[in-house]
Amino acid sequence: MIQSGSCLCGGVQYEVAGDLSDVYNCHCSMCRKLHAAAFRTCAKVRVDDWRTVKGQELLKTYESSPGEFKVFCANCGSSIHTKFDSKPEVYALPLGTLDTDPGVRADRHVFVGCKAPWFEITDDLPQFIEND
């Protein structure tokens, strides 16, 4: 099944032809700030399964930490994916930009040691201080 997604302004559209794997809720301060939310739900996708359908020229990159690059829409700021020098074969895809139901759900919370103090995790998913 092909997943499709887009940014807030619709200038960037993408498709993922392969499976989404390793789905988790990340509570680190970078994810919270990038998404202006209590956490980011993301999955791993193979780079070979990714296709930017529209708006390649709008994609901008920010190196958030050494070797980790946040890719976002230059018009609206939507986070499109993260790429890694250490794992060039995968992207981390924030599920919030998907326009389709990926059919997968998060299986854990990571970096709960730095979660937002105003947010309470109320589900029964395992919680990890770091990304174990």
N, C-alpha and C. Protein backbone atom coordinates (compact mmCIF):
# COMPACT_ATOMS: atom_id res chain seq x y z
N MET A 1 0.84 -1.19 0.00
CA MET A 1 0.00 0.00 0.00
C MET A 1 0.88 1.25 0.00
N ILE A 2 0.54 2.20 -0.81
CA ILE A 2 1.29 3.45 -0.88
C ILE A 2 0.69 4.45 0.09
N GLN A 3 1.54 5.02 0.93
CA GLN A 3 1.13 6.09 1.84
C GLN A 3 1.39 7.42 1.15
N SER A 4 0.55 8.40 1.42
CA SER A 4 0.80 9.73 0.87
C SER A 4 0.69 10.76 1.98
N GLY A 5 1.43 11.84 1.80
CA GLY A 5 1.42 12.90 2.79
C GLY A 5 1.72 14.24 2.16
N SER A 6 1.57 15.28 2.97
CA SER A 6 1.80 16.63 2.47
C SER A 6 2.08 17.57 3.64
N CYS A 7 2.59 18.73 3.30
CA CYS A 7 2.83 19.76 4.31
C CYS A 7 1.56 20.58 4.52
N LEU A 8 1.59 21.50 5.46
CA LEU A 8 0.43 22.32 5.79
C LEU A 8 -0.07 23.14 4.61
N CYS A 9 0.84 23.73 3.83
CA CYS A 9 0.42 24.58 2.71
C CYS A 9 0.14 23.79 1.44
N GLY A 10 0.48 22.51 1.42
CA GLY A 10 0.26 21.68 0.25
C GLY A 10 1.33 21.80 -0.81
N GLY A 11 2.34 22.60 -0.55
CA GLY A 11 3.41 22.79 -1.52
C GLY A 11 4.31 21.58 -1.67
N VAL A 12 4.42 20.78 -0.61
CA VAL A 12 5.21 19.55 -0.65
C VAL A 12 4.25 18.38 -0.53
N GLN A 13 4.39 17.43 -1.44
CA GLN A 13 3.61 16.20 -1.38
C GLN A 13 4.59 15.04 -1.58
N TYR A 14 4.33 13.93 -0.87
CA TYR A 14 5.23 12.79 -0.98
C TYR A 14 4.44 11.49 -0.94
N GLU A 15 5.12 10.41 -1.33
CA GLU A 15 4.57 9.06 -1.24
C GLU A 15 5.63 8.14 -0.66
N VAL A 16 5.16 7.14 0.08
CA VAL A 16 6.03 6.10 0.62
C VAL A 16 5.45 4.77 0.14
N ALA A 17 6.24 4.03 -0.64
CA ALA A 17 5.76 2.79 -1.24
C ALA A 17 6.00 1.57 -0.35
N GLY A 18 6.86 1.68 0.63
CA GLY A 18 7.20 0.52 1.45
C GLY A 18 6.60 0.58 2.84
N ASP A 19 7.03 -0.35 3.66
CA ASP A 19 6.52 -0.46 5.02
C ASP A 19 7.06 0.64 5.92
N LEU A 20 6.25 1.04 6.87
CA LEU A 20 6.68 1.91 7.95
C LEU A 20 7.03 1.01 9.12
N SER A 21 8.16 1.27 9.76
CA SER A 21 8.60 0.40 10.86
C SER A 21 9.09 1.24 12.04
N ASP A 22 9.31 0.57 13.16
CA ASP A 22 9.88 1.20 14.35
C ASP A 22 9.13 2.49 14.72
N VAL A 23 7.86 2.36 15.02
CA VAL A 23 6.99 3.51 15.29
C VAL A 23 7.01 3.82 16.79
N TYR A 24 7.30 5.07 17.14
CA TYR A 24 7.39 5.45 18.55
C TYR A 24 7.01 6.91 18.75
N ASN A 25 6.72 7.26 19.99
CA ASN A 25 6.46 8.64 20.40
C ASN A 25 7.72 9.18 21.06
N CYS A 26 8.31 10.22 20.49
CA CYS A 26 9.54 10.79 21.02
C CYS A 26 9.23 12.07 21.80
N HIS A 27 9.69 12.11 23.05
CA HIS A 27 9.44 13.25 23.94
C HIS A 27 10.68 14.13 24.13
N CYS A 28 11.73 13.94 23.32
CA CYS A 28 12.93 14.76 23.48
C CYS A 28 12.62 16.23 23.21
N SER A 29 13.44 17.10 23.74
CA SER A 29 13.17 18.54 23.60
C SER A 29 13.24 18.99 22.14
N MET A 30 14.10 18.37 21.33
CA MET A 30 14.18 18.77 19.91
C MET A 30 12.88 18.43 19.18
N CYS A 31 12.34 17.25 19.40
CA CYS A 31 11.08 16.87 18.75
C CYS A 31 9.94 17.75 19.23
N ARG A 32 9.91 18.04 20.53
CA ARG A 32 8.85 18.91 21.06
C ARG A 32 8.92 20.29 20.43
N LYS A 33 10.12 20.85 20.33
CA LYS A 33 10.27 22.19 19.75
C LYS A 33 9.98 22.18 18.24
N LEU A 34 10.47 21.18 17.54
CA LEU A 34 10.27 21.10 16.09
C LEU A 34 8.79 21.00 15.74
N HIS A 35 8.04 20.27 16.55
CA HIS A 35 6.63 20.02 16.24
C HIS A 35 5.68 20.86 17.08
N ALA A 36 6.21 21.67 17.99
CA ALA A 36 5.38 22.51 18.86
C ALA A 36 4.29 21.69 19.52
N ALA A 37 4.69 20.54 20.05
CA ALA A 37 3.74 19.59 20.63
C ALA A 37 4.43 18.83 21.77
N ALA A 38 3.65 18.07 22.51
CA ALA A 38 4.18 17.32 23.64
C ALA A 38 5.15 16.22 23.19
N PHE A 39 4.95 15.69 21.99
CA PHE A 39 5.84 14.65 21.46
C PHE A 39 5.63 14.53 19.96
N ARG A 40 6.52 13.78 19.33
CA ARG A 40 6.43 13.49 17.89
C ARG A 40 6.27 11.99 17.72
N THR A 41 5.29 11.58 16.96
CA THR A 41 5.15 10.17 16.59
C THR A 41 5.82 10.00 15.24
N CYS A 42 6.78 9.09 15.18
CA CYS A 42 7.48 8.91 13.92
C CYS A 42 7.72 7.44 13.63
N ALA A 43 8.04 7.17 12.38
CA ALA A 43 8.35 5.82 11.92
C ALA A 43 9.56 5.89 11.01
N LYS A 44 10.22 4.77 10.85
CA LYS A 44 11.33 4.67 9.91
C LYS A 44 10.78 4.24 8.56
N VAL A 45 11.31 4.85 7.49
CA VAL A 45 10.99 4.45 6.12
C VAL A 45 12.30 4.32 5.35
N ARG A 46 12.31 3.39 4.42
CA ARG A 46 13.50 3.23 3.58
C ARG A 46 13.55 4.37 2.57
N VAL A 47 14.72 4.96 2.40
CA VAL A 47 14.90 6.05 1.43
C VAL A 47 14.47 5.60 0.04
N ASP A 48 14.75 4.34 -0.31
CA ASP A 48 14.38 3.83 -1.63
C ASP A 48 12.87 3.77 -1.83
N ASP A 49 12.10 3.78 -0.74
CA ASP A 49 10.64 3.73 -0.83
C ASP A 49 10.01 5.13 -0.85
N TRP A 50 10.82 6.17 -0.71
CA TRP A 50 10.34 7.56 -0.62
C TRP A 50 10.32 8.21 -2.00
N ARG A 51 9.27 8.98 -2.28
CA ARG A 51 9.22 9.76 -3.52
C ARG A 51 8.58 11.11 -3.22
N THR A 52 9.31 12.18 -3.49
CA THR A 52 8.73 13.51 -3.39
C THR A 52 7.96 13.75 -4.68
N VAL A 53 6.64 13.89 -4.57
CA VAL A 53 5.76 14.03 -5.72
C VAL A 53 5.73 15.47 -6.20
N LYS A 54 5.76 16.40 -5.25
CA LYS A 54 5.64 17.82 -5.57
C LYS A 54 6.42 18.63 -4.54
N GLY A 55 7.07 19.70 -4.98
CA GLY A 55 7.69 20.65 -4.06
C GLY A 55 9.11 20.36 -3.65
N GLN A 56 9.84 19.59 -4.41
CA GLN A 56 11.25 19.31 -4.07
C GLN A 56 12.02 20.62 -3.84
N GLU A 57 11.70 21.64 -4.62
CA GLU A 57 12.40 22.92 -4.50
C GLU A 57 12.06 23.65 -3.20
N LEU A 58 11.00 23.25 -2.52
CA LEU A 58 10.61 23.88 -1.25
C LEU A 58 11.28 23.24 -0.04
N LEU A 59 11.90 22.09 -0.24
CA LEU A 59 12.50 21.38 0.89
C LEU A 59 13.80 22.04 1.34
N LYS A 60 13.84 22.40 2.60
CA LYS A 60 15.02 22.99 3.22
C LYS A 60 15.49 22.05 4.32
N THR A 61 16.76 22.17 4.68
CA THR A 61 17.37 21.26 5.65
C THR A 61 18.02 22.05 6.78
N TYR A 62 17.87 21.53 7.99
CA TYR A 62 18.49 22.12 9.18
C TYR A 62 19.21 21.00 9.93
N GLU A 63 20.51 21.19 10.20
CA GLU A 63 21.27 20.19 10.97
C GLU A 63 21.02 20.44 12.45
N SER A 64 20.14 19.64 13.04
CA SER A 64 19.72 19.82 14.43
C SER A 64 20.76 19.32 15.42
N SER A 65 21.53 18.34 15.03
CA SER A 65 22.68 17.85 15.79
C SER A 65 23.63 17.24 14.77
N PRO A 66 24.89 17.02 15.13
CA PRO A 66 25.84 16.54 14.13
C PRO A 66 25.36 15.28 13.39
N GLY A 67 25.23 15.40 12.07
CA GLY A 67 24.84 14.27 11.24
C GLY A 67 23.35 13.98 11.19
N GLU A 68 22.53 14.82 11.84
CA GLU A 68 21.08 14.64 11.83
C GLU A 68 20.43 15.87 11.23
N PHE A 69 19.66 15.67 10.15
CA PHE A 69 19.13 16.78 9.37
C PHE A 69 17.61 16.74 9.32
N LYS A 70 16.97 17.80 9.77
CA LYS A 70 15.53 17.95 9.70
C LYS A 70 15.20 18.58 8.35
N VAL A 71 14.30 17.95 7.62
CA VAL A 71 13.89 18.43 6.30
C VAL A 71 12.47 18.97 6.45
N PHE A 72 12.25 20.19 5.99
CA PHE A 72 10.97 20.87 6.20
C PHE A 72 10.59 21.71 4.99
N CYS A 73 9.32 22.10 4.94
CA CYS A 73 8.83 22.97 3.87
C CYS A 73 9.23 24.40 4.16
N ALA A 74 9.85 25.05 3.20
CA ALA A 74 10.29 26.44 3.37
C ALA A 74 9.12 27.41 3.46
N ASN A 75 7.96 27.06 2.92
CA ASN A 75 6.79 27.95 2.97
C ASN A 75 6.10 27.92 4.32
N CYS A 76 5.73 26.73 4.79
CA CYS A 76 4.89 26.63 5.99
C CYS A 76 5.62 26.07 7.20
N GLY A 77 6.83 25.52 7.01
CA GLY A 77 7.61 25.01 8.13
C GLY A 77 7.29 23.59 8.54
N SER A 78 6.36 22.92 7.87
CA SER A 78 6.02 21.54 8.23
C SER A 78 7.24 20.64 8.16
N SER A 79 7.40 19.80 9.18
CA SER A 79 8.47 18.82 9.22
C SER A 79 8.12 17.66 8.28
N ILE A 80 8.98 17.39 7.30
CA ILE A 80 8.71 16.36 6.31
C ILE A 80 9.39 15.04 6.68
N HIS A 81 10.67 15.08 7.00
CA HIS A 81 11.37 13.88 7.48
C HIS A 81 12.71 14.29 8.06
N THR A 82 13.37 13.32 8.67
CA THR A 82 14.73 13.51 9.18
C THR A 82 15.63 12.52 8.48
N LYS A 83 16.82 12.99 8.08
CA LYS A 83 17.80 12.09 7.48
C LYS A 83 19.05 12.08 8.34
N PHE A 84 19.80 10.97 8.24
CA PHE A 84 20.93 10.73 9.13
C PHE A 84 22.17 10.35 8.34
N ASP A 85 23.30 10.99 8.66
CA ASP A 85 24.57 10.59 8.04
C ASP A 85 24.92 9.15 8.41
N SER A 86 24.61 8.75 9.65
CA SER A 86 24.99 7.42 10.13
C SER A 86 24.10 6.31 9.57
N LYS A 87 22.92 6.66 9.07
CA LYS A 87 22.00 5.67 8.49
C LYS A 87 21.37 6.26 7.21
N PRO A 88 22.16 6.40 6.16
CA PRO A 88 21.64 7.06 4.96
C PRO A 88 20.54 6.29 4.24
N GLU A 89 20.31 5.06 4.63
CA GLU A 89 19.29 4.25 3.97
C GLU A 89 17.87 4.46 4.53
N VAL A 90 17.74 5.20 5.65
CA VAL A 90 16.41 5.41 6.24
C VAL A 90 16.15 6.88 6.54
N TYR A 91 14.87 7.21 6.52
CA TYR A 91 14.37 8.50 7.00
C TYR A 91 13.52 8.23 8.23
N ALA A 92 13.44 9.20 9.12
CA ALA A 92 12.45 9.19 10.19
C ALA A 92 11.31 10.08 9.72
N LEU A 93 10.13 9.49 9.62
CA LEU A 93 8.96 10.19 9.09
C LEU A 93 8.01 10.55 10.22
N PRO A 94 7.75 11.85 10.44
CA PRO A 94 6.73 12.22 11.42
C PRO A 94 5.34 11.89 10.86
N LEU A 95 4.59 11.07 11.57
CA LEU A 95 3.32 10.59 11.03
C LEU A 95 2.28 11.69 10.88
N GLY A 96 2.48 12.82 11.53
CA GLY A 96 1.52 13.91 11.46
C GLY A 96 1.33 14.51 10.07
N THR A 97 2.25 14.29 9.15
CA THR A 97 2.09 14.84 7.80
C THR A 97 1.43 13.86 6.84
N LEU A 98 1.13 12.64 7.32
CA LEU A 98 0.47 11.66 6.45
C LEU A 98 -0.97 12.06 6.19
N ASP A 99 -1.42 11.86 4.97
CA ASP A 99 -2.81 12.08 4.60
C ASP A 99 -3.58 10.77 4.57
N THR A 100 -2.89 9.66 4.75
CA THR A 100 -3.49 8.33 4.75
C THR A 100 -3.24 7.68 6.10
N ASP A 101 -4.03 6.65 6.41
CA ASP A 101 -3.82 5.89 7.64
C ASP A 101 -2.70 4.89 7.39
N PRO A 102 -1.60 5.00 8.11
CA PRO A 102 -0.46 4.12 7.84
C PRO A 102 -0.70 2.68 8.28
N GLY A 103 -1.72 2.46 9.09
CA GLY A 103 -1.99 1.10 9.55
C GLY A 103 -1.04 0.63 10.62
N VAL A 104 -0.21 1.51 11.13
CA VAL A 104 0.71 1.18 12.23
C VAL A 104 0.47 2.16 13.37
N ARG A 105 0.85 1.75 14.57
CA ARG A 105 0.69 2.59 15.75
C ARG A 105 1.99 2.55 16.55
N ALA A 106 2.22 3.58 17.34
CA ALA A 106 3.41 3.64 18.19
C ALA A 106 3.40 2.48 19.17
N ASP A 107 4.59 1.94 19.45
CA ASP A 107 4.68 0.83 20.40
C ASP A 107 5.43 1.19 21.68
N ARG A 108 5.89 2.47 21.78
CA ARG A 108 6.61 2.89 22.98
C ARG A 108 6.75 4.40 23.01
N HIS A 109 7.10 4.91 24.18
CA HIS A 109 7.46 6.32 24.37
C HIS A 109 8.96 6.34 24.67
N VAL A 110 9.69 7.24 24.01
CA VAL A 110 11.13 7.36 24.25
C VAL A 110 11.47 8.77 24.72
N PHE A 111 12.60 8.87 25.38
CA PHE A 111 13.10 10.12 25.96
C PHE A 111 12.08 10.76 26.92
N VAL A 112 11.42 9.89 27.70
CA VAL A 112 10.45 10.40 28.67
C VAL A 112 11.15 11.13 29.82
N GLY A 113 12.45 10.96 29.94
CA GLY A 113 13.20 11.69 30.96
C GLY A 113 13.21 13.19 30.73
N CYS A 114 12.91 13.63 29.51
CA CYS A 114 12.85 15.06 29.23
C CYS A 114 11.51 15.46 28.63
N LYS A 115 10.47 14.70 28.95
CA LYS A 115 9.14 15.03 28.43
C LYS A 115 8.66 16.35 29.01
N ALA A 116 7.67 16.93 28.36
CA ALA A 116 7.10 18.20 28.83
C ALA A 116 6.47 17.99 30.21
N PRO A 117 6.80 18.84 31.18
CA PRO A 117 6.27 18.63 32.53
C PRO A 117 4.75 18.80 32.62
N TRP A 118 4.17 19.48 31.66
CA TRP A 118 2.73 19.71 31.65
C TRP A 118 1.94 18.61 30.95
N PHE A 119 2.66 17.58 30.41
CA PHE A 119 1.99 16.49 29.70
C PHE A 119 2.09 15.20 30.50
N GLU A 120 0.95 14.52 30.65
CA GLU A 120 0.91 13.24 31.35
C GLU A 120 0.66 12.13 30.34
N ILE A 121 1.53 11.13 30.35
CA ILE A 121 1.34 9.96 29.48
C ILE A 121 0.29 9.08 30.16
N THR A 122 -0.80 8.82 29.48
CA THR A 122 -1.91 8.09 30.09
C THR A 122 -2.17 6.73 29.46
N ASP A 123 -1.38 6.34 28.46
CA ASP A 123 -1.59 5.02 27.85
C ASP A 123 -0.68 3.99 28.54
N ASP A 124 -0.79 2.76 28.11
CA ASP A 124 -0.03 1.66 28.73
C ASP A 124 1.21 1.26 27.94
N LEU A 125 1.61 2.08 26.95
CA LEU A 125 2.81 1.75 26.18
C LEU A 125 4.05 1.83 27.07
N PRO A 126 5.05 0.99 26.79
CA PRO A 126 6.30 1.06 27.55
C PRO A 126 6.94 2.44 27.43
N GLN A 127 7.60 2.86 28.50
CA GLN A 127 8.27 4.16 28.53
C GLN A 127 9.76 3.96 28.79
N PHE A 128 10.58 4.69 28.04
CA PHE A 128 12.03 4.59 28.17
C PHE A 128 12.63 5.96 28.40
N ILE A 129 13.58 6.05 29.32
CA ILE A 129 14.25 7.31 29.62
C ILE A 129 14.96 7.84 28.38
N GLU A 130 15.58 6.94 27.61
CA GLU A 130 16.22 7.31 26.35
C GLU A 130 15.57 6.50 25.24
N ASN A 131 16.21 6.35 24.10
CA ASN A 131 15.64 5.56 23.00
C ASN A 131 16.27 4.19 23.02
N ASP A 132 15.78 3.35 23.91
CA ASP A 132 16.33 1.99 24.08
C ASP A 132 15.72 1.00 23.11
